[in-house]
């Protein structure tokens, strides 16, 4: 197996911190705000990968993809891409559907990778590291988020200025329709969780999504927001981030290190990750 791809210790420390999970819900909404991406997920025939039907498995596989893409080896990225390719095969619109999509569309997968890069920047900031200190390196390795999906090498915008042009243009296209809107409102409220957990955890998740989501998308999804909620979210995120930074490294990294350990154990045993 190849050795690990180059990444400086301070950036790896930031990306592997469990605090990176705080903006995850908002990032899912952001990805699915491109209507074809949202339709592909909401209408996917692959029940085994459905977040609403198998939330624990989908969370595990998504995190496995992220840690392998960012800090794994070249061979690990090739292996998980092959599994993702198989899983994405049936995910495509049918003739006559009002919204055309395919999970193999490199432009749509490029949007997903761009959203994940923005999420990685948020994770770096939450870890306490100044984003500006590592943004060039982070941008360079973020291309892996696309090439570990179905995005060809060379698609990634040439530099951060080109990315900003891409980002502004495509963010303006984001919206929610009659399929993706209800799907994502249910996701934000965690209505799919069993045992009534959604009623317990949904308000907190909604607050975090609202905090990390762009205002226009927050409004488009109908997430209640005002100055009181904004201040409450700011206090909560600041408190959690400060507390997390004080933990020993082993504890800070424990959630994502567990994902990486499980993923490598599955690879070694010939078991599927996705």
Protein backbone atom coordinates (compact mmCIF):
# COMPACT_ATOMS: atom_id res chain seq x y z
CA UNK A 1 0.00 0.00 0.00
CA UNK A 2 1.23 3.50 -0.81
CA UNK A 3 2.50 5.73 1.96
CA UNK A 4 0.34 8.61 3.16
CA UNK A 5 -0.01 11.55 0.80
CA UNK A 6 1.81 14.70 1.87
CA UNK A 7 0.01 16.80 4.48
CA UNK A 8 1.64 18.91 7.17
CA UNK A 9 1.09 17.82 10.79
CA UNK A 10 -0.70 21.02 11.81
CA UNK A 11 -3.24 20.75 8.99
CA UNK A 12 -3.80 17.05 9.65
CA UNK A 13 -4.30 17.87 13.33
CA UNK A 14 -7.01 20.40 12.40
CA UNK A 15 -8.80 18.18 9.88
CA UNK A 16 -8.81 15.12 12.14
CA UNK A 17 -10.26 16.98 15.12
CA UNK A 18 -13.76 15.81 16.00
CA UNK A 19 -14.85 19.46 16.16
CA UNK A 20 -14.98 19.22 12.35
CA UNK A 21 -18.34 17.45 12.75
CA UNK A 22 -20.13 20.57 14.01
CA UNK A 23 -20.80 22.09 10.54
CA UNK A 24 -21.61 18.70 8.95
CA UNK A 25 -25.39 19.14 8.85
CA UNK A 26 -25.16 22.54 7.19
CA UNK A 27 -22.73 21.12 4.64
CA UNK A 28 -25.20 18.40 3.68
CA UNK A 29 -27.84 21.08 3.08
CA UNK A 30 -25.37 23.10 1.03
CA UNK A 31 -24.52 20.14 -1.20
CA UNK A 32 -28.16 19.27 -1.80
CA UNK A 33 -29.13 22.89 -2.48
CA UNK A 34 -28.05 22.25 -6.07
CA UNK A 35 -31.37 20.77 -7.15
CA UNK A 36 -29.96 17.91 -9.29
CA UNK A 37 -27.76 16.81 -6.37
CA UNK A 38 -30.69 17.05 -3.98
CA UNK A 39 -32.93 15.07 -6.32
CA UNK A 40 -30.26 12.40 -6.75
CA UNK A 41 -30.05 11.90 -2.98
CA UNK A 42 -33.76 12.24 -2.19
CA UNK A 43 -34.77 9.89 -5.02
CA UNK A 44 -31.87 7.44 -4.86
CA UNK A 45 -32.90 3.79 -5.31
CA UNK A 46 -29.90 2.64 -3.24
CA UNK A 47 -31.72 2.08 0.05
CA UNK A 48 -28.62 0.72 1.80
CA UNK A 49 -26.95 4.14 1.48
CA UNK A 50 -29.94 6.22 2.50
CA UNK A 51 -29.35 8.63 5.37
CA UNK A 52 -32.99 8.55 6.44
CA UNK A 53 -33.20 4.72 6.40
CA UNK A 54 -29.71 3.86 7.63
CA UNK A 55 -28.39 6.98 9.39
CA UNK A 56 -25.51 5.29 11.22
CA UNK A 57 -24.21 3.49 8.14
CA UNK A 58 -24.50 6.57 5.93
CA UNK A 59 -22.69 8.68 8.52
CA UNK A 60 -19.92 6.09 8.81
CA UNK A 61 -19.43 5.77 5.05
CA UNK A 62 -19.45 9.54 4.51
CA UNK A 63 -16.86 10.09 7.22
CA UNK A 64 -14.78 7.20 5.84
CA UNK A 65 -14.74 8.89 2.44
CA UNK A 66 -13.70 12.22 3.97
CA UNK A 67 -10.84 10.93 6.11
CA UNK A 68 -9.50 8.71 3.34
CA UNK A 69 -9.74 11.52 0.77
CA UNK A 70 -7.92 14.01 2.98
CA UNK A 71 -5.41 12.00 5.01
CA UNK A 72 -5.43 8.50 3.55
CA UNK A 73 -3.04 6.90 1.07
CA UNK A 74 -3.34 6.95 -2.71
CA UNK A 75 -4.25 3.27 -2.71
CA UNK A 76 -6.94 3.80 -0.07
CA UNK A 77 -8.43 6.55 -2.19
CA UNK A 78 -8.49 4.30 -5.23
CA UNK A 79 -10.20 1.54 -3.26
CA UNK A 80 -12.92 3.74 -1.80
CA UNK A 81 -13.52 5.39 -5.17
CA UNK A 82 -14.18 1.98 -6.73
CA UNK A 83 -16.74 1.27 -4.02
CA UNK A 84 -18.37 4.67 -4.48
CA UNK A 85 -18.53 4.06 -8.24
CA UNK A 86 -20.46 0.82 -7.67
CA UNK A 87 -22.82 2.49 -5.21
CA UNK A 88 -23.47 5.45 -7.52
CA UNK A 89 -24.17 3.33 -10.60
CA UNK A 90 -27.99 3.16 -10.22
CA UNK A 91 -28.36 6.81 -9.15
CA UNK A 92 -29.57 8.59 -12.25
CA UNK A 93 -32.77 10.22 -13.43
CA UNK A 94 -35.19 8.41 -15.71
CA UNK A 95 -36.23 9.57 -19.18
CA UNK A 96 -38.90 12.22 -18.81
CA UNK A 97 -37.96 13.26 -15.26
CA UNK A 98 -38.28 17.01 -14.79
CA UNK A 99 -34.80 17.24 -13.27
CA UNK A 100 -31.97 15.37 -14.98
CA UNK A 101 -29.15 14.06 -12.82
CA UNK A 102 -26.53 11.35 -12.61
CA UNK A 103 -24.24 10.45 -9.74
CA UNK A 104 -21.48 10.18 -12.36
CA UNK A 105 -21.89 13.78 -13.51
CA UNK A 106 -18.44 15.28 -12.79
CA UNK A 107 -19.86 18.80 -12.58
CA UNK A 108 -22.33 17.84 -9.85
CA UNK A 109 -19.70 15.83 -8.01
CA UNK A 110 -17.40 18.84 -8.34
CA UNK A 111 -20.01 20.91 -6.52
CA UNK A 112 -20.09 18.35 -3.71
CA UNK A 113 -16.29 18.51 -3.47
CA UNK A 114 -16.40 22.33 -3.42
CA UNK A 115 -18.90 22.24 -0.53
CA UNK A 116 -16.69 19.82 1.36
CA UNK A 117 -13.71 22.12 0.87
CA UNK A 118 -15.71 24.95 2.42
CA UNK A 119 -16.59 22.63 5.29
CA UNK A 120 -12.91 21.80 5.74
CA UNK A 121 -12.13 25.51 6.01
CA UNK A 122 -14.77 25.81 8.74
CA UNK A 123 -13.25 22.81 10.53
CA UNK A 124 -9.79 24.40 10.45
CA UNK A 125 -11.16 27.61 11.96
CA UNK A 126 -12.98 25.70 14.71
CA UNK A 127 -9.78 23.83 15.56
CA UNK A 128 -8.12 27.13 16.47
CA UNK A 129 -5.74 27.21 13.52
CA UNK A 130 -5.81 30.36 11.39
CA UNK A 131 -7.27 29.39 8.02
CA UNK A 132 -5.00 31.83 6.22
CA UNK A 133 -1.95 29.96 7.49
CA UNK A 134 -2.88 26.73 5.72
CA UNK A 135 -5.38 27.73 3.02
CA UNK A 136 -2.96 27.19 0.12
CA UNK A 137 -2.12 23.70 1.34
CA UNK A 138 -5.74 22.91 2.14
CA UNK A 139 -6.83 24.07 -1.30
CA UNK A 140 -4.21 21.87 -2.92
CA UNK A 141 -5.23 18.70 -1.12
CA UNK A 142 -8.94 19.51 -1.43
CA UNK A 143 -8.78 18.40 -5.07
CA UNK A 144 -8.72 14.86 -3.63
CA UNK A 145 -12.30 15.36 -2.46
CA UNK A 146 -13.31 15.44 -6.11
CA UNK A 147 -10.96 12.86 -7.59
CA UNK A 148 -11.99 10.36 -4.89
CA UNK A 149 -15.49 10.78 -6.32
CA UNK A 150 -16.08 10.92 -10.09
CA UNK A 151 -14.31 14.22 -10.79
CA UNK A 152 -11.44 13.94 -13.30
CA UNK A 153 -8.00 15.25 -12.42
CA UNK A 154 -7.62 18.81 -13.66
CA UNK A 155 -11.26 19.80 -13.08
CA UNK A 156 -10.52 21.61 -9.81
CA UNK A 157 -10.28 25.41 -10.33
CA UNK A 158 -6.67 26.42 -10.86
CA UNK A 159 -6.34 28.62 -7.78
CA UNK A 160 -8.38 30.06 -4.93
CA UNK A 161 -9.35 33.14 -6.94
CA UNK A 162 -10.77 30.91 -9.68
CA UNK A 163 -12.54 28.88 -7.02
CA UNK A 164 -14.19 31.99 -5.59
CA UNK A 165 -15.55 32.87 -9.03
CA UNK A 166 -16.88 29.32 -9.40
CA UNK A 167 -18.34 29.35 -5.90
CA UNK A 168 -20.20 32.66 -6.20
CA UNK A 169 -21.69 31.69 -9.54
CA UNK A 170 -22.97 28.30 -8.44
CA UNK A 171 -24.09 29.38 -4.99
CA UNK A 172 -26.43 31.82 -6.72
CA UNK A 173 -28.09 28.84 -8.47
CA UNK A 174 -28.93 27.05 -5.22
CA UNK A 175 -32.57 26.63 -4.27
CA UNK A 176 -35.01 24.10 -2.85
CA UNK A 177 -37.89 22.62 -4.83
CA UNK A 178 -40.97 20.56 -3.97
CA UNK A 179 -38.85 17.42 -3.50
CA UNK A 180 -35.60 18.67 -2.00
CA UNK A 181 -37.21 21.24 0.31
CA UNK A 182 -39.32 18.79 2.35
CA UNK A 183 -36.51 16.23 2.30
CA UNK A 184 -34.01 18.69 3.76
CA UNK A 185 -36.42 20.19 6.27
CA UNK A 186 -36.98 16.66 7.58
CA UNK A 187 -33.23 16.11 7.65
CA UNK A 188 -32.55 19.33 9.57
CA UNK A 189 -35.20 18.41 12.15
CA UNK A 190 -33.76 14.84 12.37
CA UNK A 191 -37.27 13.44 11.89
CA UNK A 192 -35.81 10.18 10.56
CA UNK A 193 -34.14 9.23 13.86
CA UNK A 194 -35.77 6.35 15.75
CA UNK A 195 -37.11 6.28 19.30
CA UNK A 196 -38.19 9.91 19.26
CA UNK A 197 -34.58 11.10 19.18
CA UNK A 198 -35.46 13.67 16.55
CA UNK A 199 -37.69 15.52 19.00
CA UNK A 200 -34.80 15.65 21.47
CA UNK A 201 -31.90 16.42 19.15
CA UNK A 202 -33.71 18.17 16.31
CA UNK A 203 -33.80 21.67 17.86
CA UNK A 204 -30.04 21.57 18.55
CA UNK A 205 -29.29 20.30 15.04
CA UNK A 206 -31.52 23.01 13.55
CA UNK A 207 -29.64 25.65 15.53
CA UNK A 208 -26.25 24.38 14.33
CA UNK A 209 -27.38 24.12 10.71
CA UNK A 210 -28.74 27.65 10.90
CA UNK A 211 -25.49 28.93 12.34
CA UNK A 212 -23.23 27.46 9.64
CA UNK A 213 -25.56 27.86 6.67
CA UNK A 214 -25.46 30.87 4.33
CA UNK A 215 -28.31 33.29 5.24
CA UNK A 216 -30.02 33.00 1.86
CA UNK A 217 -30.13 29.22 2.11
CA UNK A 218 -31.26 29.35 5.72
CA UNK A 219 -34.14 31.60 4.67
CA UNK A 220 -34.93 29.48 1.62
CA UNK A 221 -35.27 26.40 3.77
CA UNK A 222 -37.43 28.25 6.29
CA UNK A 223 -35.17 27.76 9.29
CA UNK A 224 -36.38 30.16 12.00
CA UNK A 225 -33.69 32.73 12.73
CA UNK A 226 -33.41 35.93 14.71
CA UNK A 227 -30.88 37.77 16.85
CA UNK A 228 -31.61 35.63 19.91
CA UNK A 229 -31.02 32.39 18.00
CA UNK A 230 -27.88 33.80 16.38
CA UNK A 231 -26.41 34.77 19.76
CA UNK A 232 -27.32 31.42 21.28
CA UNK A 233 -25.65 29.56 18.39
CA UNK A 234 -22.53 31.76 18.61
CA UNK A 235 -22.20 31.08 22.33
CA UNK A 236 -22.72 27.35 21.91
CA UNK A 237 -20.22 26.93 19.06
CA UNK A 238 -17.62 29.11 20.80
CA UNK A 239 -17.98 27.18 24.07
CA UNK A 240 -17.75 23.76 22.42
CA UNK A 241 -14.80 24.76 20.25
CA UNK A 242 -12.84 26.20 23.17
CA UNK A 243 -13.50 23.15 25.29
CA UNK A 244 -12.58 20.76 22.48
CA UNK A 245 -9.24 22.51 21.86
CA UNK A 246 -8.27 21.89 25.50
CA UNK A 247 -8.67 18.13 25.18
CA UNK A 248 -5.59 15.92 24.74
CA UNK A 249 -4.84 15.19 21.10
CA UNK A 250 -5.93 11.55 21.44
CA UNK A 251 -9.39 12.62 22.60
CA UNK A 252 -9.69 15.43 20.03
CA UNK A 253 -8.99 12.97 17.26
CA UNK A 254 -10.84 9.98 18.71
CA UNK A 255 -14.05 10.15 16.58
CA UNK A 256 -12.30 10.42 13.22
CA UNK A 257 -9.41 8.15 14.19
CA UNK A 258 -12.01 5.50 15.01
CA UNK A 259 -13.51 5.97 11.54
CA UNK A 260 -10.08 5.66 9.92
CA UNK A 261 -9.23 2.57 12.00
CA UNK A 262 -12.54 0.90 11.08
CA UNK A 263 -12.07 1.76 7.40
CA UNK A 264 -8.57 0.28 7.29
CA UNK A 265 -9.76 -2.80 9.15
CA UNK A 266 -12.47 -3.29 6.52
CA UNK A 267 -9.94 -2.86 3.72
CA UNK A 268 -7.61 -5.39 5.34
CA UNK A 269 -10.43 -7.89 5.80
CA UNK A 270 -11.78 -7.49 2.28
CA UNK A 271 -15.07 -6.11 3.57
CA UNK A 272 -16.92 -3.22 1.92
CA UNK A 273 -16.62 0.28 3.34
CA UNK A 274 -19.44 1.89 1.36
